[in-house]
Amino acid sequence: MKVATIALYQFVRIENLPELRAELKQKCLDWGFKGTILIAPEGINCFLFGPLGELEAFREYIRAELKLPVLPSWKVNFCTHSPFNRMMVKIKKEIIPMGDPDIRPEEFTAPYLPPAELKTWMDEKRDFLLLDTRNDYEIAVGTFEGAKDLGISHFRDFTRATQGLPESAKDQPIVTFCTGGIRCEKAAALLVKQGFKNVYQLEGGILKYFEDCKDAHYQGQCFVFDWRLAVDGNLNPQSDQSQERPPGTKGRHL
C-alpha cells in the first residue's frame, strides 16, 4: 500500500464552515489521515498524510462537496512515515493571512504563466520583474536568478512591502512566484488592485517549475513546509536532515 503526503488548496466561497469542519474531520478519521486542514470563507488548504487511494478519494470528495468543475490541484510526495501526530481541521478567517478583505482570488486573480514560458522569458533575458512573494528565511535557501526579494518575514507584510516597488514597475511585466502557488493567488491580485497593469503568477509555483524545467535559472534549493525541509531541482530532499527549521513553520505549506 502506497502512502504519501499531499498538499491541496482551492480558493472557493464556503458558507457552511462549522458543518463542513465536522464532516471533514470525520471523513479524515475514517480514511486514516493525519495532518491539518484549514477552511475559511475564501477556501480550503490541506496538508495530509495517508494511503494514496484514500487521498485520491478525498480529492474527489472535495471537488464534489465544494461543487468544483475540476479536481483541485495538489502536490504528492511519497514517504514512509507521517510527519504529523494527529488530525486537525480548523476554521480561520483566511487560509492565507493577508488582512485585505477586498482580495478574493476565488473571484479574480492575475493570469497564470506556465513554467516553460517563464523559462523562455529568462532564457531570452526579457525585461520583466520576477517577484519572490515568500518569506526571508525561505529565500535564504534558494530563489530564481535576479528575483526581487521584498525582505518580509511573514506574508501579512506583503502589502506593506509592495509600496516600496518603483513607480516604473506599474507598466512593467511582473511575474510573482511562491512555493506551490497559493500565496501568488493573493499576491498577484493585490498588485492588480494597486495599479500594476501587467501581472502574472507562476503556475504551480517553484515546485511545478522544478517538475517541468528542473533548476534552470534557479540558485540553491526550495524551502518546503514538511519533513523534507528543502528540495533540489529534481525534487529530491536535501541531504542534511539535521538542520532546524524556523519556529512555527512545520506542517505549513504556502
Foldseek 3Di string as FASTA:
>chain_A
DWKWKKKFWDFAADDPVVVVQVVVQVLCVVQVKAAEWEQARGIIITIIIHHPVSVVVVQVVVCVVRVPPDGTDMDIGTDDDDQGDGHYYYYDNDPADQPDPVQRLNVDFAAADELVNVLVCVVVVPDAAEEELDEPVQVVQKFFPPHDDLHHHGSNCLLVSCVPDDPVQLAGAYEYAYAFFPSNSRNRSSSVVVRRDHYYYHHRGPVSSLVPPQQRRMPGWGQFQEQLRTAHSVRHRDPDSPDDDPPPRHRDGD
